[in-house]
Amino acid sequence: LACSIAAESVLPVLFALIGIFLMILPQVPGLAKLHWVQTV
């Protein structure tokens, strides 16, 4: 199927957002109270 570069880039962008989320995980409200999150 013909897909644009933008469409094929959706998942790389999602992986990047997940990486950023993990970097700020100890500051995320609600999750920060979990013991393991505090160690990330």
PDB file of all heavy atoms in Angstrom:
ATOM      1  N   LEU A   1       0.836  -1.195   0.000  1.00  0.00           N
ATOM      2  CA  LEU A   1       0.000   0.000   0.000  1.00  0.00           C
ATOM      3  C   LEU A   1       0.872   1.247   0.000  1.00  0.00           C
ATOM      4  O   LEU A   1       1.917   1.293   0.658  1.00  0.00           O
ATOM      5  CB  LEU A   1      -0.897   0.002   1.239  1.00  0.00           C
ATOM      6  CG  LEU A   1      -1.849  -1.197   1.352  1.00  0.00           C
ATOM      7  CD1 LEU A   1      -2.354  -1.311   2.777  1.00  0.00           C
ATOM      8  CD2 LEU A   1      -2.999  -1.044   0.389  1.00  0.00           C
ATOM      9  N   ALA A   2       0.455   2.214  -0.762  1.00  0.00           N
ATOM     10  CA  ALA A   2       1.211   3.464  -0.821  1.00  0.00           C
ATOM     11  C   ALA A   2       0.936   4.275   0.442  1.00  0.00           C
ATOM     12  O   ALA A   2      -0.198   4.657   0.718  1.00  0.00           O
ATOM     13  CB  ALA A   2       0.806   4.256  -2.062  1.00  0.00           C
ATOM     14  N   CYS A   3       1.973   4.499   1.227  1.00  0.00           N
ATOM     15  CA  CYS A   3       1.840   5.292   2.453  1.00  0.00           C
ATOM     16  C   CYS A   3       2.868   6.409   2.423  1.00  0.00           C
ATOM     17  O   CYS A   3       4.008   6.213   1.994  1.00  0.00           O
ATOM     18  CB  CYS A   3       2.051   4.420   3.684  1.00  0.00           C
ATOM     19  SG  CYS A   3       0.689   3.290   4.023  1.00  0.00           S
ATOM     20  N   SER A   4       2.462   7.555   2.889  1.00  0.00           N
ATOM     21  CA  SER A   4       3.363   8.694   2.903  1.00  0.00           C
ATOM     22  C   SER A   4       4.421   8.536   3.984  1.00  0.00           C
ATOM     23  O   SER A   4       4.273   7.740   4.913  1.00  0.00           O
ATOM     24  CB  SER A   4       2.561   9.974   3.148  1.00  0.00           C
ATOM     25  OG  SER A   4       1.992   9.944   4.453  1.00  0.00           O
ATOM     26  N   ILE A   5       5.492   9.293   3.847  1.00  0.00           N
ATOM     27  CA  ILE A   5       6.531   9.288   4.871  1.00  0.00           C
ATOM     28  C   ILE A   5       5.943   9.720   6.213  1.00  0.00           C
ATOM     29  O   ILE A   5       6.306   9.193   7.268  1.00  0.00           O
ATOM     30  CB  ILE A   5       7.690  10.222   4.470  1.00  0.00           C
ATOM     31  CG1 ILE A   5       8.386   9.683   3.218  1.00  0.00           C
ATOM     32  CG2 ILE A   5       8.684  10.358   5.609  1.00  0.00           C
ATOM     33  CD1 ILE A   5       9.041   8.346   3.422  1.00  0.00           C
ATOM     34  N   ALA A   6       5.011  10.659   6.158  1.00  0.00           N
ATOM     35  CA  ALA A   6       4.384  11.125   7.406  1.00  0.00           C
ATOM     36  C   ALA A   6       3.636   9.985   8.091  1.00  0.00           C
ATOM     37  O   ALA A   6       3.721   9.810   9.312  1.00  0.00           O
ATOM     38  CB  ALA A   6       3.443  12.285   7.110  1.00  0.00           C
ATOM     39  N   ALA A   7       2.907   9.188   7.302  1.00  0.00           N
ATOM     40  CA  ALA A   7       2.167   8.069   7.894  1.00  0.00           C
ATOM     41  C   ALA A   7       3.110   7.024   8.466  1.00  0.00           C
ATOM     42  O   ALA A   7       2.858   6.460   9.535  1.00  0.00           O
ATOM     43  CB  ALA A   7       1.262   7.441   6.836  1.00  0.00           C
ATOM     44  N   GLU A   8       4.207   6.746   7.762  1.00  0.00           N
ATOM     45  CA  GLU A   8       5.168   5.760   8.239  1.00  0.00           C
ATOM     46  C   GLU A   8       5.951   6.262   9.454  1.00  0.00           C
ATOM     47  O   GLU A   8       6.565   5.461  10.169  1.00  0.00           O
ATOM     48  CB  GLU A   8       6.148   5.391   7.123  1.00  0.00           C
ATOM     49  CG  GLU A   8       5.502   4.660   5.956  1.00  0.00           C
ATOM     50  CD  GLU A   8       5.048   3.252   6.333  1.00  0.00           C
ATOM     51  OE1 GLU A   8       3.944   3.124   6.909  1.00  0.00           O
ATOM     52  OE2 GLU A   8       5.786   2.294   6.081  1.00  0.00           O
ATOM     53  N   SER A   9       5.915   7.567   9.683  1.00  0.00           N
ATOM     54  CA  SER A   9       6.654   8.148  10.815  1.00  0.00           C
ATOM     55  C   SER A   9       5.836   8.198  12.097  1.00  0.00           C
ATOM     56  O   SER A   9       6.359   8.595  13.154  1.00  0.00           O
ATOM     57  CB  SER A   9       7.119   9.571  10.452  1.00  0.00           C
ATOM     58  OG  SER A   9       7.975   9.552   9.330  1.00  0.00           O
ATOM     59  N   VAL A  10       4.562   7.791  12.025  1.00  0.00           N
ATOM     60  CA  VAL A  10       3.703   7.852  13.215  1.00  0.00           C
ATOM     61  C   VAL A  10       4.288   7.012  14.344  1.00  0.00           C
ATOM     62  O   VAL A  10       4.390   7.464  15.501  1.00  0.00           O
ATOM     63  CB  VAL A  10       2.270   7.394  12.869  1.00  0.00           C
ATOM     64  CG1 VAL A  10       1.458   7.171  14.143  1.00  0.00           C
ATOM     65  CG2 VAL A  10       1.592   8.406  11.975  1.00  0.00           C
ATOM     66  N   LEU A  11       4.689   5.790  14.032  1.00  0.00           N
ATOM     67  CA  LEU A  11       5.184   4.910  15.090  1.00  0.00           C
ATOM     68  C   LEU A  11       6.532   5.339  15.637  1.00  0.00           C
ATOM     69  O   LEU A  11       6.731   5.291  16.860  1.00  0.00           O
ATOM     70  CB  LEU A  11       5.218   3.463  14.587  1.00  0.00           C
ATOM     71  CG  LEU A  11       3.835   2.818  14.517  1.00  0.00           C
ATOM     72  CD1 LEU A  11       3.886   1.472  13.825  1.00  0.00           C
ATOM     73  CD2 LEU A  11       3.247   2.657  15.911  1.00  0.00           C
ATOM     74  N   PRO A  12       7.500   5.761  14.812  1.00  0.00           N
ATOM     75  CA  PRO A  12       8.728   6.312  15.406  1.00  0.00           C
ATOM     76  C   PRO A  12       8.448   7.472  16.351  1.00  0.00           C
ATOM     77  O   PRO A  12       9.084   7.581  17.408  1.00  0.00           O
ATOM     78  CB  PRO A  12       9.528   6.758  14.177  1.00  0.00           C
ATOM     79  CG  PRO A  12       9.090   5.848  13.088  1.00  0.00           C
ATOM     80  CD  PRO A  12       7.634   5.609  13.352  1.00  0.00           C
ATOM     81  N   VAL A  13       7.498   8.315  16.003  1.00  0.00           N
ATOM     82  CA  VAL A  13       7.152   9.443  16.881  1.00  0.00           C
ATOM     83  C   VAL A  13       6.546   8.925  18.179  1.00  0.00           C
ATOM     84  O   VAL A  13       6.854   9.430  19.276  1.00  0.00           O
ATOM     85  CB  VAL A  13       6.186  10.404  16.163  1.00  0.00           C
ATOM     86  CG1 VAL A  13       5.611  11.420  17.146  1.00  0.00           C
ATOM     87  CG2 VAL A  13       6.885  11.108  15.016  1.00  0.00           C
ATOM     88  N   LEU A  14       5.695   7.895  18.093  1.00  0.00           N
ATOM     89  CA  LEU A  14       5.112   7.327  19.310  1.00  0.00           C
ATOM     90  C   LEU A  14       6.185   6.732  20.222  1.00  0.00           C
ATOM     91  O   LEU A  14       6.141   6.905  21.443  1.00  0.00           O
ATOM     92  CB  LEU A  14       4.091   6.255  18.948  1.00  0.00           C
ATOM     93  CG  LEU A  14       2.671   6.725  18.646  1.00  0.00           C
ATOM     94  CD1 LEU A  14       1.793   5.543  18.269  1.00  0.00           C
ATOM     95  CD2 LEU A  14       2.072   7.460  19.837  1.00  0.00           C
ATOM     96  N   PHE A  15       7.140   6.029  19.637  1.00  0.00           N
ATOM     97  CA  PHE A  15       8.248   5.500  20.439  1.00  0.00           C
ATOM     98  C   PHE A  15       8.997   6.645  21.116  1.00  0.00           C
ATOM     99  O   PHE A  15       9.393   6.529  22.292  1.00  0.00           O
ATOM    100  CB  PHE A  15       9.207   4.693  19.560  1.00  0.00           C
ATOM    101  CG  PHE A  15       8.864   3.240  19.468  1.00  0.00           C
ATOM    102  CD1 PHE A  15       7.926   2.790  18.551  1.00  0.00           C
ATOM    103  CD2 PHE A  15       9.464   2.310  20.304  1.00  0.00           C
ATOM    104  CE1 PHE A  15       7.605   1.447  18.458  1.00  0.00           C
ATOM    105  CE2 PHE A  15       9.144   0.969  20.233  1.00  0.00           C
ATOM    106  CZ  PHE A  15       8.211   0.527  19.302  1.00  0.00           C
ATOM    107  N   ALA A  16       9.218   7.743  20.399  1.00  0.00           N
ATOM    108  CA  ALA A  16       9.914   8.889  20.991  1.00  0.00           C
ATOM    109  C   ALA A  16       9.120   9.472  22.155  1.00  0.00           C
ATOM    110  O   ALA A  16       9.680   9.816  23.211  1.00  0.00           O
ATOM    111  CB  ALA A  16      10.165   9.953  19.924  1.00  0.00           C
ATOM    112  N   LEU A  17       7.801   9.564  21.986  1.00  0.00           N
ATOM    113  CA  LEU A  17       6.963  10.091  23.066  1.00  0.00           C
ATOM    114  C   LEU A  17       6.988   9.175  24.285  1.00  0.00           C
ATOM    115  O   LEU A  17       6.994   9.652  25.432  1.00  0.00           O
ATOM    116  CB  LEU A  17       5.526  10.260  22.566  1.00  0.00           C
ATOM    117  CG  LEU A  17       5.308  11.354  21.514  1.00  0.00           C
ATOM    118  CD1 LEU A  17       3.874  11.325  21.015  1.00  0.00           C
ATOM    119  CD2 LEU A  17       5.660  12.725  22.083  1.00  0.00           C
ATOM    120  N   ILE A  18       7.020   7.853  24.040  1.00  0.00           N
ATOM    121  CA  ILE A  18       7.118   6.915  25.161  1.00  0.00           C
ATOM    122  C   ILE A  18       8.440   7.107  25.881  1.00  0.00           C
ATOM    123  O   ILE A  18       8.507   7.083  27.118  1.00  0.00           O
ATOM    124  CB  ILE A  18       6.978   5.467  24.652  1.00  0.00           C
ATOM    125  CG1 ILE A  18       5.555   5.231  24.145  1.00  0.00           C
ATOM    126  CG2 ILE A  18       7.303   4.465  25.762  1.00  0.00           C
ATOM    127  CD1 ILE A  18       5.372   3.918  23.406  1.00  0.00           C
ATOM    128  N   GLY A  19       9.535   7.297  25.115  1.00  0.00           N
ATOM    129  CA  GLY A  19      10.831   7.546  25.741  1.00  0.00           C
ATOM    130  C   GLY A  19      10.817   8.797  26.603  1.00  0.00           C
ATOM    131  O   GLY A  19      11.332   8.801  27.727  1.00  0.00           O
ATOM    132  N   ILE A  20      10.204   9.852  26.097  1.00  0.00           N
ATOM    133  CA  ILE A  20      10.113  11.098  26.872  1.00  0.00           C
ATOM    134  C   ILE A  20       9.264  10.881  28.124  1.00  0.00           C
ATOM    135  O   ILE A  20       9.601  11.371  29.216  1.00  0.00           O
ATOM    136  CB  ILE A  20       9.530  12.221  25.993  1.00  0.00           C
ATOM    137  CG1 ILE A  20      10.510  12.552  24.859  1.00  0.00           C
ATOM    138  CG2 ILE A  20       9.223  13.462  26.823  1.00  0.00           C
ATOM    139  CD1 ILE A  20       9.939  13.486  23.816  1.00  0.00           C
ATOM    140  N   PHE A  21       8.166  10.141  27.961  1.00  0.00           N
ATOM    141  CA  PHE A  21       7.306   9.851  29.112  1.00  0.00           C
ATOM    142  C   PHE A  21       8.086   9.109  30.194  1.00  0.00           C
ATOM    143  O   PHE A  21       7.956   9.418  31.392  1.00  0.00           O
ATOM    144  CB  PHE A  21       6.100   9.030  28.651  1.00  0.00           C
ATOM    145  CG  PHE A  21       5.198   8.594  29.773  1.00  0.00           C
ATOM    146  CD1 PHE A  21       4.298   9.473  30.342  1.00  0.00           C
ATOM    147  CD2 PHE A  21       5.259   7.293  30.258  1.00  0.00           C
ATOM    148  CE1 PHE A  21       3.467   9.060  31.382  1.00  0.00           C
ATOM    149  CE2 PHE A  21       4.432   6.875  31.276  1.00  0.00           C
ATOM    150  CZ  PHE A  21       3.526   7.761  31.845  1.00  0.00           C
ATOM    151  N   LEU A  22       8.891   8.131  29.813  1.00  0.00           N
ATOM    152  CA  LEU A  22       9.682   7.388  30.796  1.00  0.00           C
ATOM    153  C   LEU A  22      10.704   8.291  31.476  1.00  0.00           C
ATOM    154  O   LEU A  22      11.012   8.112  32.664  1.00  0.00           O
ATOM    155  CB  LEU A  22      10.385   6.215  30.120  1.00  0.00           C
ATOM    156  CG  LEU A  22       9.477   5.069  29.658  1.00  0.00           C
ATOM    157  CD1 LEU A  22      10.269   4.057  28.842  1.00  0.00           C
ATOM    158  CD2 LEU A  22       8.824   4.385  30.861  1.00  0.00           C
ATOM    159  N   MET A  23      11.224   9.253  30.759  1.00  0.00           N
ATOM    160  CA  MET A  23      12.203  10.170  31.345  1.00  0.00           C
ATOM    161  C   MET A  23      11.586  11.048  32.427  1.00  0.00           C
ATOM    162  O   MET A  23      12.243  11.398  33.412  1.00  0.00           O
ATOM    163  CB  MET A  23      12.831  11.031  30.246  1.00  0.00           C
ATOM    164  CG  MET A  23      13.703  10.240  29.267  1.00  0.00           C
ATOM    165  SD  MET A  23      14.214  11.200  27.827  1.00  0.00           S
ATOM    166  CE  MET A  23      15.267  12.430  28.588  1.00  0.00           C
ATOM    167  N   ILE A  24      10.320  11.410  32.244  1.00  0.00           N
ATOM    168  CA  ILE A  24       9.668  12.287  33.225  1.00  0.00           C
ATOM    169  C   ILE A  24       8.744  11.502  34.162  1.00  0.00           C
ATOM    170  O   ILE A  24       7.995  12.097  34.942  1.00  0.00           O
ATOM    171  CB  ILE A  24       8.860  13.399  32.525  1.00  0.00           C
ATOM    172  CG1 ILE A  24       7.713  12.802  31.702  1.00  0.00           C
ATOM    173  CG2 ILE A  24       9.774  14.236  31.634  1.00  0.00           C
ATOM    174  CD1 ILE A  24       6.746  13.847  31.150  1.00  0.00           C
ATOM    175  N   LEU A  25       8.796  10.163  34.107  1.00  0.00           N
ATOM    176  CA  LEU A  25       7.872   9.329  34.864  1.00  0.00           C
ATOM    177  C   LEU A  25       7.816   9.660  36.353  1.00  0.00           C
ATOM    178  O   LEU A  25       6.732   9.727  36.938  1.00  0.00           O
ATOM    179  CB  LEU A  25       8.229   7.858  34.658  1.00  0.00           C
ATOM    180  CG  LEU A  25       7.214   6.824  35.154  1.00  0.00           C
ATOM    181  CD1 LEU A  25       5.867   7.005  34.461  1.00  0.00           C
ATOM    182  CD2 LEU A  25       7.740   5.409  34.903  1.00  0.00           C
ATOM    183  N   PRO A  26       8.955   9.894  37.032  1.00  0.00           N
ATOM    184  CA  PRO A  26       8.886  10.183  38.471  1.00  0.00           C
ATOM    185  C   PRO A  26       8.152  11.483  38.813  1.00  0.00           C
ATOM    186  O   PRO A  26       7.831  11.720  39.977  1.00  0.00           O
ATOM    187  CB  PRO A  26      10.364  10.280  38.881  1.00  0.00           C
ATOM    188  CG  PRO A  26      11.088   9.477  37.859  1.00  0.00           C
ATOM    189  CD  PRO A  26      10.345   9.720  36.589  1.00  0.00           C
ATOM    190  N   GLN A  27       7.890  12.303  37.799  1.00  0.00           N
ATOM    191  CA  GLN A  27       7.173  13.565  38.052  1.00  0.00           C
ATOM    192  C   GLN A  27       5.718  13.516  37.605  1.00  0.00           C
ATOM    193  O   GLN A  27       4.995  14.500  37.735  1.00  0.00           O
ATOM    194  CB  GLN A  27       7.871  14.732  37.314  1.00  0.00           C
ATOM    195  CG  GLN A  27       9.167  15.201  37.939  1.00  0.00           C
ATOM    196  CD  GLN A  27      10.311  14.260  37.663  1.00  0.00           C
ATOM    197  OE1 GLN A  27      10.516  13.862  36.513  1.00  0.00           O
ATOM    198  NE2 GLN A  27      11.072  13.914  38.695  1.00  0.00           N
ATOM    199  N   VAL A  28       5.273  12.365  37.085  1.00  0.00           N
ATOM    200  CA  VAL A  28       3.894  12.262  36.581  1.00  0.00           C
ATOM    201  C   VAL A  28       2.937  12.137  37.765  1.00  0.00           C
ATOM    202  O   VAL A  28       3.074  11.227  38.591  1.00  0.00           O
ATOM    203  CB  VAL A  28       3.741  11.041  35.653  1.00  0.00           C
ATOM    204  CG1 VAL A  28       2.283  10.886  35.236  1.00  0.00           C
ATOM    205  CG2 VAL A  28       4.628  11.205  34.427  1.00  0.00           C
ATOM    206  N   PRO A  29       1.961  13.045  37.890  1.00  0.00           N
ATOM    207  CA  PRO A  29       1.014  12.970  39.014  1.00  0.00           C
ATOM    208  C   PRO A  29       0.274  11.633  39.017  1.00  0.00           C
ATOM    209  O   PRO A  29      -0.110  11.112  37.978  1.00  0.00           O
ATOM    210  CB  PRO A  29       0.049  14.131  38.718  1.00  0.00           C
ATOM    211  CG  PRO A  29       0.825  15.068  37.849  1.00  0.00           C
ATOM    212  CD  PRO A  29       1.724  14.207  37.021  1.00  0.00           C
ATOM    213  N   GLY A  30       0.086  11.095  40.208  1.00  0.00           N
ATOM    214  CA  GLY A  30      -0.609   9.824  40.350  1.00  0.00           C
ATOM    215  C   GLY A  30       0.347   8.656  40.327  1.00  0.00           C
ATOM    216  O   GLY A  30       0.311   7.799  41.214  1.00  0.00           O
ATOM    217  N   LEU A  31       1.221   8.602  39.328  1.00  0.00           N
ATOM    218  CA  LEU A  31       2.182   7.508  39.244  1.00  0.00           C
ATOM    219  C   LEU A  31       3.367   7.707  40.171  1.00  0.00           C
ATOM    220  O   LEU A  31       3.984   6.740  40.629  1.00  0.00           O
ATOM    221  CB  LEU A  31       2.688   7.357  37.800  1.00  0.00           C
ATOM    222  CG  LEU A  31       1.652   6.938  36.764  1.00  0.00           C
ATOM    223  CD1 LEU A  31       2.276   6.891  35.374  1.00  0.00           C
ATOM    224  CD2 LEU A  31       1.066   5.575  37.115  1.00  0.00           C
ATOM    225  N   ALA A  32       3.699   8.963  40.451  1.00  0.00           N
ATOM    226  CA  ALA A  32       4.889   9.261  41.240  1.00  0.00           C
ATOM    227  C   ALA A  32       4.833   8.681  42.649  1.00  0.00           C
ATOM    228  O   ALA A  32       5.865   8.499  43.293  1.00  0.00           O
ATOM    229  CB  ALA A  32       5.105  10.779  41.313  1.00  0.00           C
ATOM    230  N   LYS A  33       3.643   8.340  43.141  1.00  0.00           N
ATOM    231  CA  LYS A  33       3.531   7.809  44.499  1.00  0.00           C
ATOM    232  C   LYS A  33       3.946   6.341  44.589  1.00  0.00           C
ATOM    233  O   LYS A  33       4.171   5.829  45.682  1.00  0.00           O
ATOM    234  CB  LYS A  33       2.093   7.970  45.001  1.00  0.00           C
ATOM    235  CG  LYS A  33       1.078   7.159  44.213  1.00  0.00           C
ATOM    236  CD  LYS A  33      -0.337   7.384  44.734  1.00  0.00           C
ATOM    237  CE  LYS A  33      -1.356   6.552  43.944  1.00  0.00           C
ATOM    238  NZ  LYS A  33      -2.732   6.774  44.439  1.00  0.00           N
ATOM    239  N   LEU A  34       4.039   5.650  43.438  1.00  0.00           N
ATOM    240  CA  LEU A  34       4.452   4.250  43.445  1.00  0.00           C
ATOM    241  C   LEU A  34       5.936   4.145  43.759  1.00  0.00           C
ATOM    242  O   LEU A  34       6.749   4.928  43.241  1.00  0.00           O
ATOM    243  CB  LEU A  34       4.158   3.605  42.088  1.00  0.00           C
ATOM    244  CG  LEU A  34       2.686   3.559  41.668  1.00  0.00           C
ATOM    245  CD1 LEU A  34       2.554   3.008  40.260  1.00  0.00           C
ATOM    246  CD2 LEU A  34       1.871   2.727  42.650  1.00  0.00           C
ATOM    247  N   HIS A  35       6.281   3.161  44.581  1.00  0.00           N
ATOM    248  CA  HIS A  35       7.681   3.026  44.996  1.00  0.00           C
ATOM    249  C   HIS A  35       8.608   2.840  43.805  1.00  0.00           C
ATOM    250  O   HIS A  35       9.666   3.468  43.726  1.00  0.00           O
ATOM    251  CB  HIS A  35       7.827   1.837  45.953  1.00  0.00           C
ATOM    252  CG  HIS A  35       7.102   2.017  47.248  1.00  0.00           C
ATOM    253  ND1 HIS A  35       6.609   0.960  47.986  1.00  0.00           N
ATOM    254  CD2 HIS A  35       6.758   3.137  47.934  1.00  0.00           C
ATOM    255  CE1 HIS A  35       6.013   1.426  49.074  1.00  0.00           C
ATOM    256  NE2 HIS A  35       6.085   2.735  49.057  1.00  0.00           N
ATOM    257  N   TRP A  36       8.234   1.971  42.856  1.00  0.00           N
ATOM    258  CA  TRP A  36       9.143   1.679  41.756  1.00  0.00           C
ATOM    259  C   TRP A  36       9.301   2.882  40.829  1.00  0.00           C
ATOM    260  O   TRP A  36      10.378   3.097  40.261  1.00  0.00           O
ATOM    261  CB  TRP A  36       8.687   0.443  40.985  1.00  0.00           C
ATOM    262  CG  TRP A  36       7.480   0.615  40.113  1.00  0.00           C
ATOM    263  CD1 TRP A  36       6.191   0.389  40.442  1.00  0.00           C
ATOM    264  CD2 TRP A  36       7.483   1.036  38.743  1.00  0.00           C
ATOM    265  NE1 TRP A  36       5.366   0.643  39.370  1.00  0.00           N
ATOM    266  CE2 TRP A  36       6.138   1.032  38.310  1.00  0.00           C
ATOM    267  CE3 TRP A  36       8.475   1.411  37.842  1.00  0.00           C
ATOM    268  CZ2 TRP A  36       5.763   1.408  37.017  1.00  0.00           C
ATOM    269  CZ3 TRP A  36       8.119   1.770  36.553  1.00  0.00           C
ATOM    270  CH2 TRP A  36       6.778   1.778  36.150  1.00  0.00           C
ATOM    271  N   VAL A  37       8.247   3.681  40.693  1.00  0.00           N
ATOM    272  CA  VAL A  37       8.340   4.864  39.838  1.00  0.00           C
ATOM    273  C   VAL A  37       9.351   5.858  40.399  1.00  0.00           C
ATOM    274  O   VAL A  37      10.090   6.516  39.654  1.00  0.00           O
ATOM    275  CB  VAL A  37       6.953   5.519  39.673  1.00  0.00           C
ATOM    276  CG1 VAL A  37       7.070   6.876  38.979  1.00  0.00           C
ATOM    277  CG2 VAL A  37       6.026   4.601  38.885  1.00  0.00           C
ATOM    278  N   GLN A  38       9.420   5.936  41.720  1.00  0.00           N
ATOM    279  CA  GLN A  38      10.366   6.864  42.350  1.00  0.00           C
ATOM    280  C   GLN A  38      11.821   6.495  42.078  1.00  0.00           C
ATOM    281  O   GLN A  38      12.716   7.329  42.232  1.00  0.00           O
ATOM    282  CB  GLN A  38      10.100   6.897  43.855  1.00  0.00           C
ATOM    283  CG  GLN A  38       8.716   7.400  44.229  1.00  0.00           C
ATOM    284  CD  GLN A  38       8.366   7.134  45.692  1.00  0.00           C
ATOM    285  OE1 GLN A  38       9.236   6.818  46.496  1.00  0.00           O
ATOM    286  NE2 GLN A  38       7.086   7.237  46.023  1.00  0.00           N
ATOM    287  N   THR A  39      12.059   5.249  41.688  1.00  0.00           N
ATOM    288  CA  THR A  39      13.433   4.805  41.443  1.00  0.00           C
ATOM    289  C   THR A  39      13.862   4.932  39.987  1.00  0.00           C
ATOM    290  O   THR A  39      15.024   4.699  39.656  1.00  0.00           O
ATOM    291  CB  THR A  39      13.596   3.336  41.871  1.00  0.00           C
ATOM    292  OG1 THR A  39      12.794   2.498  41.028  1.00  0.00           O
ATOM    293  CG2 THR A  39      13.182   3.140  43.313  1.00  0.00           C
ATOM    294  N   VAL A  40      12.926   5.273  39.094  1.00  0.00           N
ATOM    295  CA  VAL A  40      13.218   5.315  37.658  1.00  0.00           C
ATOM    296  C   VAL A  40      14.190   6.455  37.354  1.00  0.00           C
ATOM    297  O   VAL A  40      14.014   7.584  37.825  1.00  0.00           O
ATOM    298  CB  VAL A  40      11.923   5.478  36.839  1.00  0.00           C
ATOM    299  CG1 VAL A  40      12.232   5.723  35.368  1.00  0.00           C
ATOM    300  CG2 VAL A  40      11.060   4.238  36.995  1.00  0.00           C
TER     301      VAL A  40
END
